[in-house]
Amino acid sequence: REQIRFLIELDKLQSGNFNNNININKFQQKKSEMMNIMGNDEKRMQGHEYRLSVIEELRKKEADETACLVLRESRLKRQKLSDNYQKSISTRIVRANLQDLIVVMENEQTLKRSRTLLYAYANR
């Protein structure tokens, strides 16, 4: 009896292994087919992604060139304006009363004996 049970179990295992081997072979074949299909899809996707990346790089390059042109034009405009007004010193507006102005003019060497100081005294 034990030998028969052993043989029956051995037969089940062997037939199961055979079925498993068949299933494993089928699985590997399907897997390789799927990999080939996925390989083609992946190649197609990689080509598509590559095209998209090239288009994106071109768009960025054009945007950078446009920005450089705009910045260059504005820089040139500023240089032209600064060249024209470079000789004239920008004046600063300071609010003061007449008495403060007279004190400053009295302390300044060039304005000490000027007509402006005289007019300031007269309008006091």
C-alpha atoms as a PDB file:
ATOM      1  CA  ARG A   1       0.000   0.000   0.000  1.00  0.00           C
ATOM      2  CA  GLU A   2       2.705   2.424   0.894  1.00  0.00           C
ATOM      3  CA  GLN A   3       4.489   1.751  -2.359  1.00  0.00           C
ATOM      4  CA  ILE A   4       1.283   2.309  -4.296  1.00  0.00           C
ATOM      5  CA  ARG A   5       0.635   5.591  -2.475  1.00  0.00           C
ATOM      6  CA  PHE A   6       4.208   6.596  -3.129  1.00  0.00           C
ATOM      7  CA  LEU A   7       3.875   5.771  -6.822  1.00  0.00           C
ATOM      8  CA  ILE A   8       0.543   7.614  -7.072  1.00  0.00           C
ATOM      9  CA  GLU A   9       2.015  10.702  -5.399  1.00  0.00           C
ATOM     10  CA  LEU A  10       5.086  10.439  -7.597  1.00  0.00           C
ATOM     11  CA  ASP A  11       2.873  10.218 -10.675  1.00  0.00           C
ATOM     12  CA  LYS A  12       0.876  13.258  -9.548  1.00  0.00           C
ATOM     13  CA  LEU A  13       4.029  15.220  -8.924  1.00  0.00           C
ATOM     14  CA  GLN A  14       5.558  14.219 -12.226  1.00  0.00           C
ATOM     15  CA  SER A  15       2.402  14.974 -14.185  1.00  0.00           C
ATOM     16  CA  GLY A  16       2.042  18.200 -12.227  1.00  0.00           C
ATOM     17  CA  ASN A  17       5.641  19.088 -12.962  1.00  0.00           C
ATOM     18  CA  PHE A  18       5.060  18.298 -16.607  1.00  0.00           C
ATOM     19  CA  ASN A  19       1.983  20.521 -16.589  1.00  0.00           C
ATOM     20  CA  ASN A  20       3.939  23.134 -14.688  1.00  0.00           C
ATOM     21  CA  ASN A  21       6.754  22.901 -17.220  1.00  0.00           C
ATOM     22  CA  ILE A  22       4.235  23.345 -20.031  1.00  0.00           C
ATOM     23  CA  ASN A  23       2.677  26.271 -18.188  1.00  0.00           C
ATOM     24  CA  ILE A  24       6.104  27.785 -17.512  1.00  0.00           C
ATOM     25  CA  ASN A  25       7.077  27.418 -21.172  1.00  0.00           C
ATOM     26  CA  LYS A  26       3.787  29.003 -22.272  1.00  0.00           C
ATOM     27  CA  PHE A  27       4.280  31.792 -19.734  1.00  0.00           C
ATOM     28  CA  GLN A  28       7.812  32.447 -20.950  1.00  0.00           C
ATOM     29  CA  GLN A  29       6.660  32.484 -24.579  1.00  0.00           C
ATOM     30  CA  LYS A  30       3.853  34.908 -23.793  1.00  0.00           C
ATOM     31  CA  LYS A  31       6.227  36.981 -21.702  1.00  0.00           C
ATOM     32  CA  SER A  32       8.745  37.209 -24.549  1.00  0.00           C
ATOM     33  CA  GLU A  33       5.927  38.120 -26.964  1.00  0.00           C
ATOM     34  CA  MET A  34       4.691  40.784 -24.573  1.00  0.00           C
ATOM     35  CA  MET A  35       8.213  42.094 -24.145  1.00  0.00           C
ATOM     36  CA  ASN A  36       8.537  42.336 -27.919  1.00  0.00           C
ATOM     37  CA  ILE A  37       5.222  44.158 -28.115  1.00  0.00           C
ATOM     38  CA  MET A  38       6.175  46.350 -25.174  1.00  0.00           C
ATOM     39  CA  GLY A  39       9.563  46.873 -26.764  1.00  0.00           C
ATOM     40  CA  ASN A  40       7.893  48.202 -29.907  1.00  0.00           C
ATOM     41  CA  ASP A  41       5.532  50.344 -27.852  1.00  0.00           C
ATOM     42  CA  GLU A  42       8.412  51.577 -25.730  1.00  0.00           C
ATOM     43  CA  LYS A  43      10.429  52.381 -28.828  1.00  0.00           C
ATOM     44  CA  ARG A  44       7.466  54.279 -30.224  1.00  0.00           C
ATOM     45  CA  MET A  45       7.003  56.104 -26.911  1.00  0.00           C
ATOM     46  CA  GLN A  46      10.715  56.865 -26.681  1.00  0.00           C
ATOM     47  CA  GLY A  47      10.602  58.289 -30.193  1.00  0.00           C
ATOM     48  CA  HIS A  48       7.570  60.367 -29.275  1.00  0.00           C
ATOM     49  CA  GLU A  49       9.188  61.550 -26.040  1.00  0.00           C
ATOM     50  CA  TYR A  50      12.381  62.380 -27.922  1.00  0.00           C
ATOM     51  CA  ARG A  51      10.420  64.455 -30.439  1.00  0.00           C
ATOM     52  CA  LEU A  52       8.615  66.234 -27.614  1.00  0.00           C
ATOM     53  CA  SER A  53      11.894  66.955 -25.832  1.00  0.00           C
ATOM     54  CA  VAL A  54      13.436  68.337 -29.039  1.00  0.00           C
ATOM     55  CA  ILE A  55      10.394  70.552 -29.598  1.00  0.00           C
ATOM     56  CA  GLU A  56      10.563  71.737 -25.983  1.00  0.00           C
ATOM     57  CA  GLU A  57      14.281  72.516 -26.296  1.00  0.00           C
ATOM     58  CA  LEU A  58      13.654  74.514 -29.481  1.00  0.00           C
ATOM     59  CA  ARG A  59      10.826  76.415 -27.801  1.00  0.00           C
ATOM     60  CA  LYS A  60      13.035  77.245 -24.809  1.00  0.00           C
ATOM     61  CA  LYS A  61      15.881  78.292 -27.086  1.00  0.00           C
ATOM     62  CA  GLU A  62      13.603  80.615 -29.071  1.00  0.00           C
ATOM     63  CA  ALA A  63      12.164  82.050 -25.856  1.00  0.00           C
ATOM     64  CA  ASP A  64      15.679  82.684 -24.517  1.00  0.00           C
ATOM     65  CA  GLU A  65      16.740  84.366 -27.752  1.00  0.00           C
ATOM     66  CA  THR A  66      13.635  86.561 -27.720  1.00  0.00           C
ATOM     67  CA  ALA A  67      14.248  87.501 -24.091  1.00  0.00           C
ATOM     68  CA  CYS A  68      17.882  88.342 -24.876  1.00  0.00           C
ATOM     69  CA  LEU A  69      16.800  90.568 -27.760  1.00  0.00           C
ATOM     70  CA  VAL A  70      14.266  92.392 -25.595  1.00  0.00           C
ATOM     71  CA  LEU A  71      16.775  92.860 -22.783  1.00  0.00           C
ATOM     72  CA  ARG A  72      19.417  94.016 -25.252  1.00  0.00           C
ATOM     73  CA  GLU A  73      17.044  96.598 -26.738  1.00  0.00           C
ATOM     74  CA  SER A  74      16.080  97.940 -23.319  1.00  0.00           C
ATOM     75  CA  ARG A  75      19.747  98.023 -22.288  1.00  0.00           C
ATOM     76  CA  LEU A  76      20.630  99.942 -25.448  1.00  0.00           C
ATOM     77  CA  LYS A  77      17.807 102.416 -24.785  1.00  0.00           C
ATOM     78  CA  ARG A  78      19.053 102.954 -21.244  1.00  0.00           C
ATOM     79  CA  GLN A  79      22.600 103.467 -22.487  1.00  0.00           C
ATOM     80  CA  LYS A  80      21.422 106.042 -25.022  1.00  0.00           C
ATOM     81  CA  LEU A  81      19.472 107.865 -22.342  1.00  0.00           C
ATOM     82  CA  SER A  82      22.339 107.714 -19.877  1.00  0.00           C
ATOM     83  CA  ASP A  83      24.798 108.935 -22.534  1.00  0.00           C
ATOM     84  CA  ASN A  84      22.582 111.943 -23.246  1.00  0.00           C
ATOM     85  CA  TYR A  85      22.106 112.883 -19.618  1.00  0.00           C
ATOM     86  CA  GLN A  86      25.438 111.745 -18.282  1.00  0.00           C
ATOM     87  CA  LYS A  87      26.902 115.246 -18.293  1.00  0.00           C
ATOM     88  CA  SER A  88      24.086 116.785 -16.316  1.00  0.00           C
ATOM     89  CA  ILE A  89      24.099 115.925 -12.641  1.00  0.00           C
ATOM     90  CA  SER A  90      20.758 114.879 -11.308  1.00  0.00           C
ATOM     91  CA  THR A  91      19.383 117.483  -8.930  1.00  0.00           C
ATOM     92  CA  ARG A  92      17.864 116.584  -5.637  1.00  0.00           C
ATOM     93  CA  ILE A  93      14.905 118.540  -4.378  1.00  0.00           C
ATOM     94  CA  VAL A  94      15.187 119.541  -0.757  1.00  0.00           C
ATOM     95  CA  ARG A  95      12.511 121.493   1.029  1.00  0.00           C
ATOM     96  CA  ALA A  96      13.839 124.191   3.294  1.00  0.00           C
ATOM     97  CA  ASN A  97      12.775 127.579   4.528  1.00  0.00           C
ATOM     98  CA  LEU A  98      14.461 130.846   3.601  1.00  0.00           C
ATOM     99  CA  GLN A  99      16.345 131.163   6.874  1.00  0.00           C
ATOM    100  CA  ASP A 100      18.020 127.754   6.364  1.00  0.00           C
ATOM    101  CA  LEU A 101      18.959 128.777   2.840  1.00  0.00           C
ATOM    102  CA  ILE A 102      20.561 131.988   4.056  1.00  0.00           C
ATOM    103  CA  VAL A 103      22.598 130.088   6.679  1.00  0.00           C
ATOM    104  CA  VAL A 104      23.880 127.639   4.072  1.00  0.00           C
ATOM    105  CA  MET A 105      24.706 130.430   1.625  1.00  0.00           C
ATOM    106  CA  GLU A 106      26.608 132.376   4.294  1.00  0.00           C
ATOM    107  CA  ASN A 107      28.754 129.320   5.071  1.00  0.00           C
ATOM    108  CA  GLU A 108      29.492 128.523   1.416  1.00  0.00           C
ATOM    109  CA  GLN A 109      32.595 130.285   0.002  1.00  0.00           C
ATOM    110  CA  THR A 110      31.235 130.865  -3.495  1.00  0.00           C
ATOM    111  CA  LEU A 111      27.825 132.095  -2.339  1.00  0.00           C
ATOM    112  CA  LYS A 112      29.045 134.292   0.508  1.00  0.00           C
ATOM    113  CA  ARG A 113      29.287 137.397  -1.696  1.00  0.00           C
ATOM    114  CA  SER A 114      26.684 136.578  -4.341  1.00  0.00           C
ATOM    115  CA  ARG A 115      23.637 138.477  -5.510  1.00  0.00           C
ATOM    116  CA  THR A 116      21.455 135.509  -4.605  1.00  0.00           C
ATOM    117  CA  LEU A 117      22.354 135.959  -0.943  1.00  0.00           C
ATOM    118  CA  LEU A 118      21.538 139.639  -1.256  1.00  0.00           C
ATOM    119  CA  TYR A 119      18.125 138.851  -2.753  1.00  0.00           C
ATOM    120  CA  ALA A 120      17.533 136.325   0.004  1.00  0.00           C
ATOM    121  CA  TYR A 121      18.261 139.002   2.637  1.00  0.00           C
ATOM    122  CA  ALA A 122      15.932 141.395   0.862  1.00  0.00           C
ATOM    123  CA  ASN A 123      13.043 138.902   0.755  1.00  0.00           C
ATOM    124  CA  ARG A 124      13.420 137.896   4.377  1.00  0.00           C
END
